[in-house]
Amino acid sequence: MMTTANPLDNTDKPIKTTDYFITRDATSLDMGAGLVDPNRAVDPGLIYDATPQDYVNLLCSMNLTEKQFKTIARSSAKHNCSNPFDDMNYPSFIALFNPNEDYTWLGQKFRRTVTNVGPGAANYKAKVTAPKNSTISISPQTLVFEKKNQKQDYTLTIRYKGIADDQAQSGSITWVEENGHHTVRSPIVVALALDAWT
């Protein structure tokens, strides 16, 4: 549902939000991926698979107590935390930074795997909208699928210099099918780390 959601309102303008009586364009932290489009969601073109172990790895990286872990996982079963946390195969990206750190440019690299759930062979090209004060690079910039259920990996690297007025900045990567009707959009956010507020 995320990759087929619409970031525009019903007049094709950016979704708005209000903070302290000031109306501004909503970021992905305000609206998520956008408005759900059920018709597009049943035929997404590409999907981001995540296994239960991916979620276990995420919990393992959070230094939880055994009791906390079992409460969140809703399981009393023994869990395997032997694998180091790898970036979760999730259809969104967030780069967090602390403005108090001394830096010129920061960078973060993400790896994702997409699965072709379209009817057959397909090519997708990346279309990127970078958040303000950021640059985005994608490799490869074209994904070639020879058949249905085939998987392809890509990396997305965000380089960013900061944000204005402590407001999160949003962008996106959209995989656009050549000679087809699928567009697969993922939000990208650059924001302050939570500990920067303390």
C-alpha atoms as a PDB file:
ATOM      1  CA  MET A   1       0.000   0.000   0.000  1.00  0.00           C
ATOM      2  CA  MET A   2       2.900   2.372   0.704  1.00  0.00           C
ATOM      3  CA  THR A   3       4.466   2.258  -2.748  1.00  0.00           C
ATOM      4  CA  THR A   4       1.154   2.949  -4.512  1.00  0.00           C
ATOM      5  CA  ALA A   5      -0.073   5.707  -2.157  1.00  0.00           C
ATOM      6  CA  ASN A   6      -0.628   9.215  -3.515  1.00  0.00           C
ATOM      7  CA  PRO A   7       1.321  12.126  -1.924  1.00  0.00           C
ATOM      8  CA  LEU A   8      -1.100  14.647  -3.501  1.00  0.00           C
ATOM      9  CA  ASP A   9      -4.597  15.603  -2.366  1.00  0.00           C
ATOM     10  CA  ASN A  10      -7.758  15.289  -4.465  1.00  0.00           C
ATOM     11  CA  THR A  11      -6.884  18.531  -6.305  1.00  0.00           C
ATOM     12  CA  ASP A  12      -3.401  17.211  -7.259  1.00  0.00           C
ATOM     13  CA  LYS A  13      -1.689  19.621  -4.867  1.00  0.00           C
ATOM     14  CA  PRO A  14       0.708  18.673  -2.041  1.00  0.00           C
ATOM     15  CA  ILE A  15      -1.015  17.490   1.142  1.00  0.00           C
ATOM     16  CA  LYS A  16      -0.942  20.216   3.805  1.00  0.00           C
ATOM     17  CA  THR A  17      -0.526  20.108   7.577  1.00  0.00           C
ATOM     18  CA  THR A  18      -0.871  22.758  10.276  1.00  0.00           C
ATOM     19  CA  ASP A  19       1.667  23.383  13.056  1.00  0.00           C
ATOM     20  CA  TYR A  20       0.921  26.101  15.584  1.00  0.00           C
ATOM     21  CA  PHE A  21      -1.568  27.743  13.188  1.00  0.00           C
ATOM     22  CA  ILE A  22       0.966  27.732  10.332  1.00  0.00           C
ATOM     23  CA  THR A  23      -0.041  25.741   7.257  1.00  0.00           C
ATOM     24  CA  ARG A  24       2.756  24.095   5.291  1.00  0.00           C
ATOM     25  CA  ASP A  25       3.341  21.195   2.899  1.00  0.00           C
ATOM     26  CA  ALA A  26       3.227  17.909   4.805  1.00  0.00           C
ATOM     27  CA  THR A  27       6.380  15.793   4.990  1.00  0.00           C
ATOM     28  CA  SER A  28       6.412  12.002   5.058  1.00  0.00           C
ATOM     29  CA  LEU A  29       6.660  12.218   8.848  1.00  0.00           C
ATOM     30  CA  ASP A  30       3.269  13.982   8.803  1.00  0.00           C
ATOM     31  CA  MET A  31       1.414  11.898   6.234  1.00  0.00           C
ATOM     32  CA  GLY A  32       3.371   8.668   5.816  1.00  0.00           C
ATOM     33  CA  ALA A  33       3.527   7.592   2.184  1.00  0.00           C
ATOM     34  CA  GLY A  34       0.339   9.482   1.322  1.00  0.00           C
ATOM     35  CA  LEU A  35      -3.300   8.641   0.612  1.00  0.00           C
ATOM     36  CA  VAL A  36      -3.998   4.934   0.085  1.00  0.00           C
ATOM     37  CA  ASP A  37      -5.091   4.015  -3.444  1.00  0.00           C
ATOM     38  CA  PRO A  38      -6.784   0.585  -3.156  1.00  0.00           C
ATOM     39  CA  ASN A  39      -7.040   0.077  -6.918  1.00  0.00           C
ATOM     40  CA  ARG A  40      -3.299   0.541  -7.419  1.00  0.00           C
ATOM     41  CA  ALA A  41      -2.439  -1.413  -4.256  1.00  0.00           C
ATOM     42  CA  VAL A  42      -3.801  -4.677  -5.704  1.00  0.00           C
ATOM     43  CA  ASP A  43      -1.409  -4.389  -8.671  1.00  0.00           C
ATOM     44  CA  PRO A  44       1.765  -2.721  -7.304  1.00  0.00           C
ATOM     45  CA  GLY A  45       4.273  -3.935  -9.911  1.00  0.00           C
ATOM     46  CA  LEU A  46       7.146  -4.283  -7.403  1.00  0.00           C
ATOM     47  CA  ILE A  47       7.103  -5.232  -3.725  1.00  0.00           C
ATOM     48  CA  TYR A  48       9.609  -5.072  -0.852  1.00  0.00           C
ATOM     49  CA  ASP A  49       9.582  -8.451   0.925  1.00  0.00           C
ATOM     50  CA  ALA A  50      10.497  -8.628   4.623  1.00  0.00           C
ATOM     51  CA  THR A  51      10.751 -11.873   6.557  1.00  0.00           C
ATOM     52  CA  PRO A  52       9.945 -12.391  10.259  1.00  0.00           C
ATOM     53  CA  GLN A  53      13.709 -12.687  10.901  1.00  0.00           C
ATOM     54  CA  ASP A  54      14.165  -9.176   9.441  1.00  0.00           C
ATOM     55  CA  TYR A  55      11.899  -7.849  12.198  1.00  0.00           C
ATOM     56  CA  VAL A  56      13.721  -9.946  14.815  1.00  0.00           C
ATOM     57  CA  ASN A  57      17.024  -8.457  13.616  1.00  0.00           C
ATOM     58  CA  LEU A  58      15.551  -4.971  14.007  1.00  0.00           C
ATOM     59  CA  LEU A  59      14.486  -5.725  17.587  1.00  0.00           C
ATOM     60  CA  CYS A  60      17.902  -7.251  18.305  1.00  0.00           C
ATOM     61  CA  SER A  61      19.562  -3.970  17.326  1.00  0.00           C
ATOM     62  CA  MET A  62      17.544  -2.033  19.927  1.00  0.00           C
ATOM     63  CA  ASN A  63      19.301  -3.444  23.037  1.00  0.00           C
ATOM     64  CA  LEU A  64      16.004  -4.527  24.615  1.00  0.00           C
ATOM     65  CA  THR A  65      15.714  -6.682  27.708  1.00  0.00           C
ATOM     66  CA  GLU A  66      14.434 -10.224  27.172  1.00  0.00           C
ATOM     67  CA  LYS A  67      11.079  -9.236  28.668  1.00  0.00           C
ATOM     68  CA  GLN A  68      10.779  -6.161  26.413  1.00  0.00           C
ATOM     69  CA  PHE A  69      11.763  -8.204  23.372  1.00  0.00           C
ATOM     70  CA  LYS A  70       9.127 -10.875  24.043  1.00  0.00           C
ATOM     71  CA  THR A  71       6.460  -8.252  24.754  1.00  0.00           C
ATOM     72  CA  ILE A  72       7.050  -6.436  21.463  1.00  0.00           C
ATOM     73  CA  ALA A  73       7.499  -9.648  19.447  1.00  0.00           C
ATOM     74  CA  ARG A  74       4.435 -11.155  21.165  1.00  0.00           C
ATOM     75  CA  SER A  75       6.269 -14.417  21.397  1.00  0.00           C
ATOM     76  CA  SER A  76       7.732 -16.497  24.181  1.00  0.00           C
ATOM     77  CA  ALA A  77       9.809 -18.474  21.678  1.00  0.00           C
ATOM     78  CA  LYS A  78      13.583 -18.248  21.750  1.00  0.00           C
ATOM     79  CA  HIS A  79      14.860 -15.712  19.220  1.00  0.00           C
ATOM     80  CA  ASN A  80      18.057 -15.667  17.181  1.00  0.00           C
ATOM     81  CA  CYS A  81      20.065 -12.464  17.564  1.00  0.00           C
ATOM     82  CA  SER A  82      23.280 -13.906  16.142  1.00  0.00           C
ATOM     83  CA  ASN A  83      23.021 -11.999  12.855  1.00  0.00           C
ATOM     84  CA  PRO A  84      24.128  -8.375  12.982  1.00  0.00           C
ATOM     85  CA  PHE A  85      21.404  -5.896  12.075  1.00  0.00           C
ATOM     86  CA  ASP A  86      21.272  -5.280   8.376  1.00  0.00           C
ATOM     87  CA  ASP A  87      19.175  -2.502   6.892  1.00  0.00           C
ATOM     88  CA  MET A  88      15.603  -3.764   6.845  1.00  0.00           C
ATOM     89  CA  ASN A  89      14.042  -4.309   3.428  1.00  0.00           C
ATOM     90  CA  TYR A  90      11.414  -1.619   3.990  1.00  0.00           C
ATOM     91  CA  PRO A  91       9.927   0.681   1.293  1.00  0.00           C
ATOM     92  CA  SER A  92      10.974   3.958   2.892  1.00  0.00           C
ATOM     93  CA  PHE A  93      14.226   5.681   3.847  1.00  0.00           C
ATOM     94  CA  ILE A  94      15.157   8.020   6.696  1.00  0.00           C
ATOM     95  CA  ALA A  95      18.526   9.649   7.333  1.00  0.00           C
ATOM     96  CA  LEU A  96      18.878  11.029  10.855  1.00  0.00           C
ATOM     97  CA  PHE A  97      21.531  13.508  11.953  1.00  0.00           C
ATOM     98  CA  ASN A  98      22.589  15.524  14.972  1.00  0.00           C
ATOM     99  CA  PRO A  99      23.063  19.224  14.131  1.00  0.00           C
ATOM    100  CA  ASN A 100      25.522  19.554  17.019  1.00  0.00           C
ATOM    101  CA  GLU A 101      28.039  17.309  15.256  1.00  0.00           C
ATOM    102  CA  ASP A 102      30.843  18.925  13.286  1.00  0.00           C
ATOM    103  CA  TYR A 103      30.385  18.027   9.629  1.00  0.00           C
ATOM    104  CA  THR A 104      30.266  19.370   6.109  1.00  0.00           C
ATOM    105  CA  TRP A 105      28.277  16.619   4.421  1.00  0.00           C
ATOM    106  CA  LEU A 106      26.873  13.416   5.937  1.00  0.00           C
ATOM    107  CA  GLY A 107      26.017  10.287   4.038  1.00  0.00           C
ATOM    108  CA  GLN A 108      24.010   7.142   4.525  1.00  0.00           C
ATOM    109  CA  LYS A 109      23.751   4.109   2.253  1.00  0.00           C
ATOM    110  CA  PHE A 110      20.753   1.791   2.046  1.00  0.00           C
ATOM    111  CA  ARG A 111      20.354  -1.559   0.268  1.00  0.00           C
ATOM    112  CA  ARG A 112      16.956  -2.788  -0.876  1.00  0.00           C
ATOM    113  CA  THR A 113      15.573  -5.796  -2.757  1.00  0.00           C
ATOM    114  CA  VAL A 114      12.434  -5.555  -4.874  1.00  0.00           C
ATOM    115  CA  THR A 115      10.390  -8.412  -6.316  1.00  0.00           C
ATOM    116  CA  ASN A 116       8.582  -8.163  -9.634  1.00  0.00           C
ATOM    117  CA  VAL A 117       4.943  -9.157  -9.070  1.00  0.00           C
ATOM    118  CA  GLY A 118       3.790  -7.819 -12.435  1.00  0.00           C
ATOM    119  CA  PRO A 119       2.579 -10.128 -15.214  1.00  0.00           C
ATOM    120  CA  GLY A 120       6.036 -10.840 -16.682  1.00  0.00           C
ATOM    121  CA  ALA A 121       9.232  -9.221 -17.935  1.00  0.00           C
ATOM    122  CA  ALA A 122       9.597  -5.526 -17.105  1.00  0.00           C
ATOM    123  CA  ASN A 123      12.130  -2.690 -16.954  1.00  0.00           C
ATOM    124  CA  TYR A 124      11.969   0.065 -14.341  1.00  0.00           C
ATOM    125  CA  LYS A 125      13.868   3.362 -14.306  1.00  0.00           C
ATOM    126  CA  ALA A 126      14.549   5.363 -11.144  1.00  0.00           C
ATOM    127  CA  LYS A 127      13.096   8.863 -10.817  1.00  0.00           C
ATOM    128  CA  VAL A 128      14.424  10.740  -7.783  1.00  0.00           C
ATOM    129  CA  THR A 129      13.217  13.824  -5.950  1.00  0.00           C
ATOM    130  CA  ALA A 130      15.896  14.714  -3.397  1.00  0.00           C
ATOM    131  CA  PRO A 131      15.048  16.332  -0.054  1.00  0.00           C
ATOM    132  CA  LYS A 132      16.224  19.944   0.317  1.00  0.00           C
ATOM    133  CA  ASN A 133      20.010  20.260   0.912  1.00  0.00           C
ATOM    134  CA  SER A 134      20.502  16.641  -0.159  1.00  0.00           C
ATOM    135  CA  THR A 135      21.731  14.611  -3.089  1.00  0.00           C
ATOM    136  CA  ILE A 136      20.562  11.084  -3.892  1.00  0.00           C
ATOM    137  CA  SER A 137      22.388   8.487  -5.961  1.00  0.00           C
ATOM    138  CA  ILE A 138      20.876   5.168  -7.082  1.00  0.00           C
ATOM    139  CA  SER A 139      22.713   2.103  -8.352  1.00  0.00           C
ATOM    140  CA  PRO A 140      21.679   0.673 -10.705  1.00  0.00           C
ATOM    141  CA  GLN A 141      19.361   3.300 -12.163  1.00  0.00           C
ATOM    142  CA  THR A 142      17.477   0.710 -14.231  1.00  0.00           C
ATOM    143  CA  LEU A 143      16.095  -2.590 -12.941  1.00  0.00           C
ATOM    144  CA  VAL A 144      15.614  -5.317 -15.549  1.00  0.00           C
ATOM    145  CA  PHE A 145      13.284  -8.229 -14.750  1.00  0.00           C
ATOM    146  CA  GLU A 146      13.063 -11.171 -17.131  1.00  0.00           C
ATOM    147  CA  LYS A 147      10.093 -12.835 -15.427  1.00  0.00           C
ATOM    148  CA  LYS A 148       7.516 -12.595 -12.659  1.00  0.00           C
ATOM    149  CA  ASN A 149       8.743 -13.118  -9.055  1.00  0.00           C
ATOM    150  CA  GLN A 150      12.352 -12.255  -9.993  1.00  0.00           C
ATOM    151  CA  LYS A 151      14.245 -10.181  -7.407  1.00  0.00           C
ATOM    152  CA  GLN A 152      16.657  -7.297  -8.024  1.00  0.00           C
ATOM    153  CA  ASP A 153      18.848  -5.369  -5.573  1.00  0.00           C
ATOM    154  CA  TYR A 154      19.627  -1.669  -5.597  1.00  0.00           C
ATOM    155  CA  THR A 155      21.420   0.798  -3.354  1.00  0.00           C
ATOM    156  CA  LEU A 156      20.347   4.326  -2.478  1.00  0.00           C
ATOM    157  CA  THR A 157      22.867   6.778  -1.034  1.00  0.00           C
ATOM    158  CA  ILE A 158      21.767  10.008   0.639  1.00  0.00           C
ATOM    159  CA  ARG A 159      24.257  12.841   1.124  1.00  0.00           C
ATOM    160  CA  TYR A 160      22.865  15.722   3.131  1.00  0.00           C
ATOM    161  CA  LYS A 161      24.012  18.939   4.687  1.00  0.00           C
ATOM    162  CA  GLY A 162      21.300  19.673   7.217  1.00  0.00           C
ATOM    163  CA  ILE A 163      17.760  20.946   7.415  1.00  0.00           C
ATOM    164  CA  ALA A 164      16.284  24.403   7.802  1.00  0.00           C
ATOM    165  CA  ASP A 165      14.276  25.416  10.875  1.00  0.00           C
ATOM    166  CA  ASP A 166      14.496  21.901  12.326  1.00  0.00           C
ATOM    167  CA  GLN A 167      11.839  20.771   9.853  1.00  0.00           C
ATOM    168  CA  ALA A 168      12.194  17.332   8.309  1.00  0.00           C
ATOM    169  CA  GLN A 169      12.750  17.406   4.549  1.00  0.00           C
ATOM    170  CA  SER A 170      11.030  14.923   2.245  1.00  0.00           C
ATOM    171  CA  GLY A 171      11.811  13.456  -1.141  1.00  0.00           C
ATOM    172  CA  SER A 172      11.178  10.195  -2.933  1.00  0.00           C
ATOM    173  CA  ILE A 173      12.421   7.527  -5.274  1.00  0.00           C
ATOM    174  CA  THR A 174       9.918   6.265  -7.823  1.00  0.00           C
ATOM    175  CA  TRP A 175      10.555   3.220  -9.986  1.00  0.00           C
ATOM    176  CA  VAL A 176       8.716   3.894 -13.258  1.00  0.00           C
ATOM    177  CA  GLU A 177       7.945   0.943 -15.515  1.00  0.00           C
ATOM    178  CA  GLU A 178       8.971   1.466 -19.126  1.00  0.00           C
ATOM    179  CA  ASN A 179       6.086   0.897 -21.551  1.00  0.00           C
ATOM    180  CA  GLY A 180       3.857  -0.024 -18.603  1.00  0.00           C
ATOM    181  CA  HIS A 181       1.531   1.441 -16.003  1.00  0.00           C
ATOM    182  CA  HIS A 182       3.311   0.713 -12.721  1.00  0.00           C
ATOM    183  CA  THR A 183       4.951   3.421 -10.613  1.00  0.00           C
ATOM    184  CA  VAL A 184       6.486   2.318  -7.315  1.00  0.00           C
ATOM    185  CA  ARG A 185       7.166   5.257  -4.962  1.00  0.00           C
ATOM    186  CA  SER A 186       9.138   5.240  -1.711  1.00  0.00           C
ATOM    187  CA  PRO A 187       9.403   8.228   0.664  1.00  0.00           C
ATOM    188  CA  ILE A 188      12.830   9.602   1.631  1.00  0.00           C
ATOM    189  CA  VAL A 189      13.197  11.768   4.765  1.00  0.00           C
ATOM    190  CA  VAL A 190      16.118  13.696   6.250  1.00  0.00           C
ATOM    191  CA  ALA A 191      15.414  14.616   9.877  1.00  0.00           C
ATOM    192  CA  LEU A 192      16.979  15.420  13.234  1.00  0.00           C
ATOM    193  CA  ALA A 193      17.832  12.433  15.413  1.00  0.00           C
ATOM    194  CA  LEU A 194      15.666  12.217  18.550  1.00  0.00           C
ATOM    195  CA  ASP A 195      18.663  12.703  20.834  1.00  0.00           C
ATOM    196  CA  ALA A 196      19.360  16.040  19.105  1.00  0.00           C
ATOM    197  CA  TRP A 197      16.320  17.471  20.913  1.00  0.00           C
ATOM    198  CA  THR A 198      17.683  16.671  24.384  1.00  0.00           C
END
